[in-house]
Amino acid sequence: MRRILILASGWILAVAGFVLMFVPLPIPLIGALPLLLGLAILTANSKPFRRRLQMARHRFDWLSQAFERFAHRMPALVKTMIHRTHPRAILRLARLRARRAGEKLRHIERH
């Protein structure tokens, strides 16, 4: 029950932050902090969400650069989210899979 409440609060913060990003308020980018806090809560408590955000950062370099640009200004929870979703893990996994596939091919060719 606790996990459901945490995930629900993360989604509420993320959606509210996204909506506030486009509302014409006198404070620019007022929705950035709730959006990032919601994303941080979701990545800390949901591995599939963390992987999807990591894939999005891998696919869209501008998104990854935007996260890195503002990381030093954010709370510790957001900094952890930015660090945990860095796309380098996807590249490392791709290299590992390629190495394993190469080892399997060499093993098959020997026998």
N, C-alpha and C. Protein backbone atom coordinates (compact mmCIF):
# COMPACT_ATOMS: atom_id res chain seq x y z
N MET A 1 0.82 -1.19 0.00
CA MET A 1 0.00 0.00 0.00
C MET A 1 0.87 1.26 0.00
N ARG A 2 1.96 1.20 0.77
CA ARG A 2 2.86 2.35 0.85
C ARG A 2 3.49 2.64 -0.51
N ARG A 3 3.91 1.58 -1.21
CA ARG A 3 4.53 1.75 -2.52
C ARG A 3 3.56 2.37 -3.53
N ILE A 4 2.30 1.96 -3.46
CA ILE A 4 1.29 2.50 -4.36
C ILE A 4 1.11 4.00 -4.11
N LEU A 5 1.09 4.39 -2.85
CA LEU A 5 0.96 5.81 -2.51
C LEU A 5 2.17 6.62 -2.99
N ILE A 6 3.35 6.04 -2.83
CA ILE A 6 4.56 6.73 -3.28
C ILE A 6 4.55 6.90 -4.78
N LEU A 7 4.22 5.83 -5.52
CA LEU A 7 4.17 5.92 -6.98
C LEU A 7 3.08 6.89 -7.43
N ALA A 8 1.94 6.89 -6.75
CA ALA A 8 0.87 7.81 -7.11
C ALA A 8 1.30 9.26 -6.88
N SER A 9 1.99 9.52 -5.79
CA SER A 9 2.46 10.88 -5.54
C SER A 9 3.50 11.30 -6.58
N GLY A 10 4.34 10.36 -6.99
CA GLY A 10 5.31 10.66 -8.05
C GLY A 10 4.63 11.02 -9.36
N TRP A 11 3.61 10.24 -9.72
CA TRP A 11 2.87 10.53 -10.96
C TRP A 11 2.14 11.86 -10.86
N ILE A 12 1.55 12.15 -9.71
CA ILE A 12 0.82 13.42 -9.53
C ILE A 12 1.78 14.60 -9.66
N LEU A 13 2.94 14.51 -9.03
CA LEU A 13 3.93 15.59 -9.14
C LEU A 13 4.42 15.75 -10.57
N ALA A 14 4.69 14.63 -11.25
CA ALA A 14 5.19 14.70 -12.62
C ALA A 14 4.15 15.32 -13.55
N VAL A 15 2.92 14.89 -13.45
CA VAL A 15 1.87 15.44 -14.32
C VAL A 15 1.61 16.91 -14.00
N ALA A 16 1.53 17.24 -12.72
CA ALA A 16 1.30 18.63 -12.33
C ALA A 16 2.45 19.52 -12.81
N GLY A 17 3.66 19.04 -12.69
CA GLY A 17 4.81 19.81 -13.16
C GLY A 17 4.79 20.00 -14.66
N PHE A 18 4.41 18.95 -15.38
CA PHE A 18 4.32 19.05 -16.83
C PHE A 18 3.27 20.07 -17.25
N VAL A 19 2.12 20.03 -16.58
CA VAL A 19 1.05 20.98 -16.89
C VAL A 19 1.49 22.40 -16.56
N LEU A 20 2.14 22.59 -15.42
CA LEU A 20 2.57 23.93 -15.01
C LEU A 20 3.67 24.50 -15.91
N MET A 21 4.39 23.64 -16.62
CA MET A 21 5.44 24.13 -17.51
C MET A 21 4.85 25.00 -18.62
N PHE A 22 3.62 24.72 -19.02
CA PHE A 22 3.02 25.42 -20.15
C PHE A 22 1.96 26.44 -19.75
N VAL A 23 1.73 26.62 -18.46
CA VAL A 23 0.78 27.62 -17.99
C VAL A 23 1.50 28.96 -17.91
N PRO A 24 0.90 30.01 -18.48
CA PRO A 24 1.56 31.33 -18.47
C PRO A 24 1.49 31.99 -17.08
N LEU A 25 2.46 31.68 -16.26
CA LEU A 25 2.55 32.27 -14.92
C LEU A 25 3.71 33.27 -14.92
N PRO A 26 3.71 34.22 -13.97
CA PRO A 26 4.78 35.21 -13.95
C PRO A 26 6.16 34.62 -13.61
N ILE A 27 6.19 33.42 -13.04
CA ILE A 27 7.46 32.78 -12.72
C ILE A 27 7.78 31.78 -13.82
N PRO A 28 8.85 32.00 -14.58
CA PRO A 28 9.16 31.09 -15.69
C PRO A 28 9.58 29.70 -15.18
N LEU A 29 9.16 28.69 -15.89
CA LEU A 29 9.50 27.28 -15.61
C LEU A 29 9.14 26.87 -14.18
N ILE A 30 8.01 27.33 -13.70
CA ILE A 30 7.56 27.01 -12.34
C ILE A 30 7.31 25.50 -12.19
N GLY A 31 6.99 24.84 -13.27
CA GLY A 31 6.68 23.42 -13.20
C GLY A 31 7.89 22.50 -13.25
N ALA A 32 9.08 23.06 -13.46
CA ALA A 32 10.27 22.22 -13.58
C ALA A 32 10.57 21.44 -12.29
N LEU A 33 10.47 22.10 -11.16
CA LEU A 33 10.80 21.43 -9.91
C LEU A 33 9.82 20.31 -9.56
N PRO A 34 8.48 20.53 -9.64
CA PRO A 34 7.59 19.41 -9.36
C PRO A 34 7.75 18.27 -10.38
N LEU A 35 8.00 18.62 -11.63
CA LEU A 35 8.21 17.59 -12.65
C LEU A 35 9.43 16.74 -12.32
N LEU A 36 10.54 17.40 -11.99
CA LEU A 36 11.76 16.66 -11.67
C LEU A 36 11.63 15.88 -10.37
N LEU A 37 10.94 16.43 -9.38
CA LEU A 37 10.73 15.69 -8.14
C LEU A 37 9.86 14.46 -8.38
N GLY A 38 8.82 14.61 -9.20
CA GLY A 38 7.98 13.46 -9.54
C GLY A 38 8.77 12.39 -10.27
N LEU A 39 9.60 12.80 -11.23
CA LEU A 39 10.45 11.84 -11.94
C LEU A 39 11.44 11.16 -11.00
N ALA A 40 11.97 11.93 -10.05
CA ALA A 40 12.92 11.35 -9.09
C ALA A 40 12.24 10.30 -8.22
N ILE A 41 11.03 10.58 -7.77
CA ILE A 41 10.29 9.61 -6.96
C ILE A 41 9.99 8.36 -7.77
N LEU A 42 9.58 8.55 -9.02
CA LEU A 42 9.25 7.39 -9.86
C LEU A 42 10.49 6.55 -10.18
N THR A 43 11.62 7.19 -10.46
CA THR A 43 12.82 6.41 -10.77
C THR A 43 13.37 5.70 -9.54
N ALA A 44 13.17 6.27 -8.37
CA ALA A 44 13.66 5.63 -7.16
C ALA A 44 12.82 4.41 -6.78
N ASN A 45 11.56 4.38 -7.22
CA ASN A 45 10.66 3.31 -6.78
C ASN A 45 10.14 2.42 -7.89
N SER A 46 10.54 2.65 -9.12
CA SER A 46 10.04 1.85 -10.23
C SER A 46 11.16 1.58 -11.23
N LYS A 47 11.64 0.36 -11.25
CA LYS A 47 12.73 0.01 -12.16
C LYS A 47 12.31 0.15 -13.63
N PRO A 48 11.10 -0.29 -14.02
CA PRO A 48 10.71 -0.09 -15.42
C PRO A 48 10.66 1.38 -15.83
N PHE A 49 10.20 2.26 -14.94
CA PHE A 49 10.18 3.69 -15.25
C PHE A 49 11.61 4.22 -15.39
N ARG A 50 12.49 3.77 -14.51
CA ARG A 50 13.89 4.20 -14.57
C ARG A 50 14.52 3.78 -15.89
N ARG A 51 14.25 2.56 -16.34
CA ARG A 51 14.80 2.08 -17.61
C ARG A 51 14.24 2.87 -18.79
N ARG A 52 12.94 3.21 -18.74
CA ARG A 52 12.33 3.99 -19.83
C ARG A 52 12.94 5.40 -19.89
N LEU A 53 13.14 6.01 -18.74
CA LEU A 53 13.75 7.33 -18.73
C LEU A 53 15.19 7.25 -19.22
N GLN A 54 15.88 6.20 -18.87
CA GLN A 54 17.25 6.00 -19.34
C GLN A 54 17.27 5.84 -20.86
N MET A 55 16.32 5.09 -21.41
CA MET A 55 16.23 4.92 -22.86
C MET A 55 15.89 6.24 -23.54
N ALA A 56 15.02 7.03 -22.93
CA ALA A 56 14.67 8.34 -23.49
C ALA A 56 15.90 9.25 -23.51
N ARG A 57 16.68 9.22 -22.44
CA ARG A 57 17.90 10.03 -22.41
C ARG A 57 18.92 9.54 -23.42
N HIS A 58 18.95 8.24 -23.66
CA HIS A 58 19.86 7.69 -24.66
C HIS A 58 19.42 8.10 -26.07
N ARG A 59 18.13 8.07 -26.31
CA ARG A 59 17.60 8.36 -27.64
C ARG A 59 17.62 9.87 -27.94
N PHE A 60 17.29 10.69 -26.95
CA PHE A 60 17.23 12.14 -27.15
C PHE A 60 18.37 12.79 -26.38
N ASP A 61 19.42 13.10 -27.08
CA ASP A 61 20.61 13.66 -26.45
C ASP A 61 20.32 15.03 -25.82
N TRP A 62 19.43 15.81 -26.41
CA TRP A 62 19.10 17.12 -25.86
C TRP A 62 18.48 17.00 -24.48
N LEU A 63 17.70 15.93 -24.26
CA LEU A 63 17.09 15.71 -22.95
C LEU A 63 18.16 15.40 -21.90
N SER A 64 19.09 14.54 -22.28
CA SER A 64 20.17 14.18 -21.37
C SER A 64 21.02 15.40 -21.03
N GLN A 65 21.31 16.21 -22.03
CA GLN A 65 22.10 17.42 -21.78
C GLN A 65 21.36 18.41 -20.89
N ALA A 66 20.04 18.52 -21.07
CA ALA A 66 19.25 19.42 -20.22
C ALA A 66 19.29 18.96 -18.77
N PHE A 67 19.16 17.64 -18.55
CA PHE A 67 19.25 17.12 -17.18
C PHE A 67 20.61 17.43 -16.58
N GLU A 68 21.66 17.18 -17.33
CA GLU A 68 23.01 17.39 -16.81
C GLU A 68 23.28 18.88 -16.55
N ARG A 69 22.72 19.75 -17.37
CA ARG A 69 22.96 21.18 -17.23
C ARG A 69 22.40 21.72 -15.92
N PHE A 70 21.25 21.20 -15.49
CA PHE A 70 20.61 21.73 -14.29
C PHE A 70 20.83 20.86 -13.05
N ALA A 71 21.62 19.83 -13.16
CA ALA A 71 21.80 18.89 -12.05
C ALA A 71 22.37 19.57 -10.80
N HIS A 72 23.30 20.46 -10.97
CA HIS A 72 23.94 21.07 -9.80
C HIS A 72 23.01 21.99 -9.02
N ARG A 73 21.89 22.39 -9.62
CA ARG A 73 20.95 23.29 -8.94
C ARG A 73 19.82 22.55 -8.23
N MET A 74 19.75 21.27 -8.40
CA MET A 74 18.61 20.49 -7.93
C MET A 74 18.85 19.87 -6.56
N PRO A 75 17.77 19.47 -5.88
CA PRO A 75 17.91 18.75 -4.61
C PRO A 75 18.61 17.40 -4.80
N ALA A 76 19.06 16.83 -3.72
CA ALA A 76 19.82 15.58 -3.77
C ALA A 76 19.02 14.45 -4.42
N LEU A 77 17.72 14.40 -4.18
CA LEU A 77 16.89 13.36 -4.77
C LEU A 77 16.90 13.43 -6.30
N VAL A 78 16.85 14.64 -6.84
CA VAL A 78 16.88 14.83 -8.28
C VAL A 78 18.26 14.52 -8.84
N LYS A 79 19.30 14.92 -8.12
CA LYS A 79 20.66 14.61 -8.56
C LYS A 79 20.87 13.10 -8.65
N THR A 80 20.34 12.37 -7.69
CA THR A 80 20.44 10.91 -7.71
C THR A 80 19.70 10.35 -8.91
N MET A 81 18.52 10.89 -9.21
CA MET A 81 17.75 10.44 -10.37
C MET A 81 18.53 10.68 -11.65
N ILE A 82 19.15 11.83 -11.78
CA ILE A 82 19.91 12.15 -12.97
C ILE A 82 21.10 11.20 -13.11
N HIS A 83 21.75 10.91 -12.00
CA HIS A 83 22.89 9.99 -12.04
C HIS A 83 22.46 8.56 -12.38
N ARG A 84 21.35 8.10 -11.80
CA ARG A 84 20.90 6.72 -12.01
C ARG A 84 20.33 6.48 -13.40
N THR A 85 19.90 7.53 -14.09
CA THR A 85 19.32 7.35 -15.41
C THR A 85 20.27 7.77 -16.52
N HIS A 86 21.54 7.89 -16.21
CA HIS A 86 22.50 8.28 -17.25
C HIS A 86 22.56 7.18 -18.32
N PRO A 87 22.60 7.55 -19.60
CA PRO A 87 22.55 6.55 -20.67
C PRO A 87 23.80 5.68 -20.81
N ARG A 88 24.84 5.94 -20.06
CA ARG A 88 26.05 5.13 -20.22
C ARG A 88 25.81 3.67 -19.87
N ALA A 89 24.84 3.38 -19.01
CA ALA A 89 24.53 2.00 -18.66
C ALA A 89 23.99 1.23 -19.87
N ILE A 90 23.23 1.90 -20.72
CA ILE A 90 22.72 1.25 -21.93
C ILE A 90 23.86 0.92 -22.87
N LEU A 91 24.81 1.83 -23.01
CA LEU A 91 25.97 1.57 -23.86
C LEU A 91 26.80 0.43 -23.31
N ARG A 92 26.96 0.38 -21.99
CA ARG A 92 27.71 -0.70 -21.36
C ARG A 92 27.03 -2.03 -21.59
N LEU A 93 25.71 -2.08 -21.48
CA LEU A 93 24.95 -3.30 -21.72
C LEU A 93 25.08 -3.75 -23.18
N ALA A 94 25.05 -2.80 -24.11
CA ALA A 94 25.20 -3.14 -25.54
C ALA A 94 26.58 -3.74 -25.80
N ARG A 95 27.61 -3.16 -25.20
CA ARG A 95 28.96 -3.72 -25.37
C ARG A 95 29.06 -5.12 -24.77
N LEU A 96 28.45 -5.32 -23.61
CA LEU A 96 28.47 -6.63 -22.96
C LEU A 96 27.75 -7.67 -23.82
N ARG A 97 26.59 -7.31 -24.36
CA ARG A 97 25.85 -8.25 -25.21
C ARG A 97 26.62 -8.57 -26.49
N ALA A 98 27.29 -7.58 -27.07
CA ALA A 98 28.07 -7.82 -28.27
C ALA A 98 29.25 -8.75 -27.97
N ARG A 99 29.86 -8.56 -26.82
CA ARG A 99 30.97 -9.42 -26.43
C ARG A 99 30.50 -10.86 -26.23
N ARG A 100 29.36 -11.02 -25.56
CA ARG A 100 28.82 -12.36 -25.34
C ARG A 100 28.44 -13.03 -26.65
N ALA A 101 27.86 -12.27 -27.58
CA ALA A 101 27.49 -12.83 -28.88
C ALA A 101 28.75 -13.26 -29.63
N GLY A 102 29.82 -12.47 -29.54
CA GLY A 102 31.08 -12.83 -30.19
C GLY A 102 31.69 -14.09 -29.58
N GLU A 103 31.59 -14.24 -28.26
CA GLU A 103 32.11 -15.43 -27.60
C GLU A 103 31.33 -16.67 -28.01
N LYS A 104 30.02 -16.54 -28.14
CA LYS A 104 29.19 -17.67 -28.56
C LYS A 104 29.54 -18.09 -29.98
N LEU A 105 29.76 -17.11 -30.85
CA LEU A 105 30.12 -17.44 -32.24
C LEU A 105 31.46 -18.15 -32.29
N ARG A 106 32.44 -17.67 -31.53
CA ARG A 106 33.75 -18.32 -31.52
C ARG A 106 33.66 -19.74 -30.96
N HIS A 107 32.80 -19.91 -29.94
CA HIS A 107 32.63 -21.23 -29.34
C HIS A 107 31.99 -22.20 -30.36
N ILE A 108 31.03 -21.73 -31.12
CA ILE A 108 30.36 -22.57 -32.12
C ILE A 108 31.31 -22.90 -33.24
N GLU A 109 32.15 -21.97 -33.67
CA GLU A 109 33.09 -22.21 -34.76
C GLU A 109 34.15 -23.22 -34.37
N ARG A 110 34.53 -23.30 -33.12
CA ARG A 110 35.54 -24.24 -32.68
C ARG A 110 35.02 -25.68 -32.72
N HIS A 111 33.74 -25.87 -32.48
CA HIS A 111 33.20 -27.22 -32.39
C HIS A 111 32.54 -27.61 -33.64
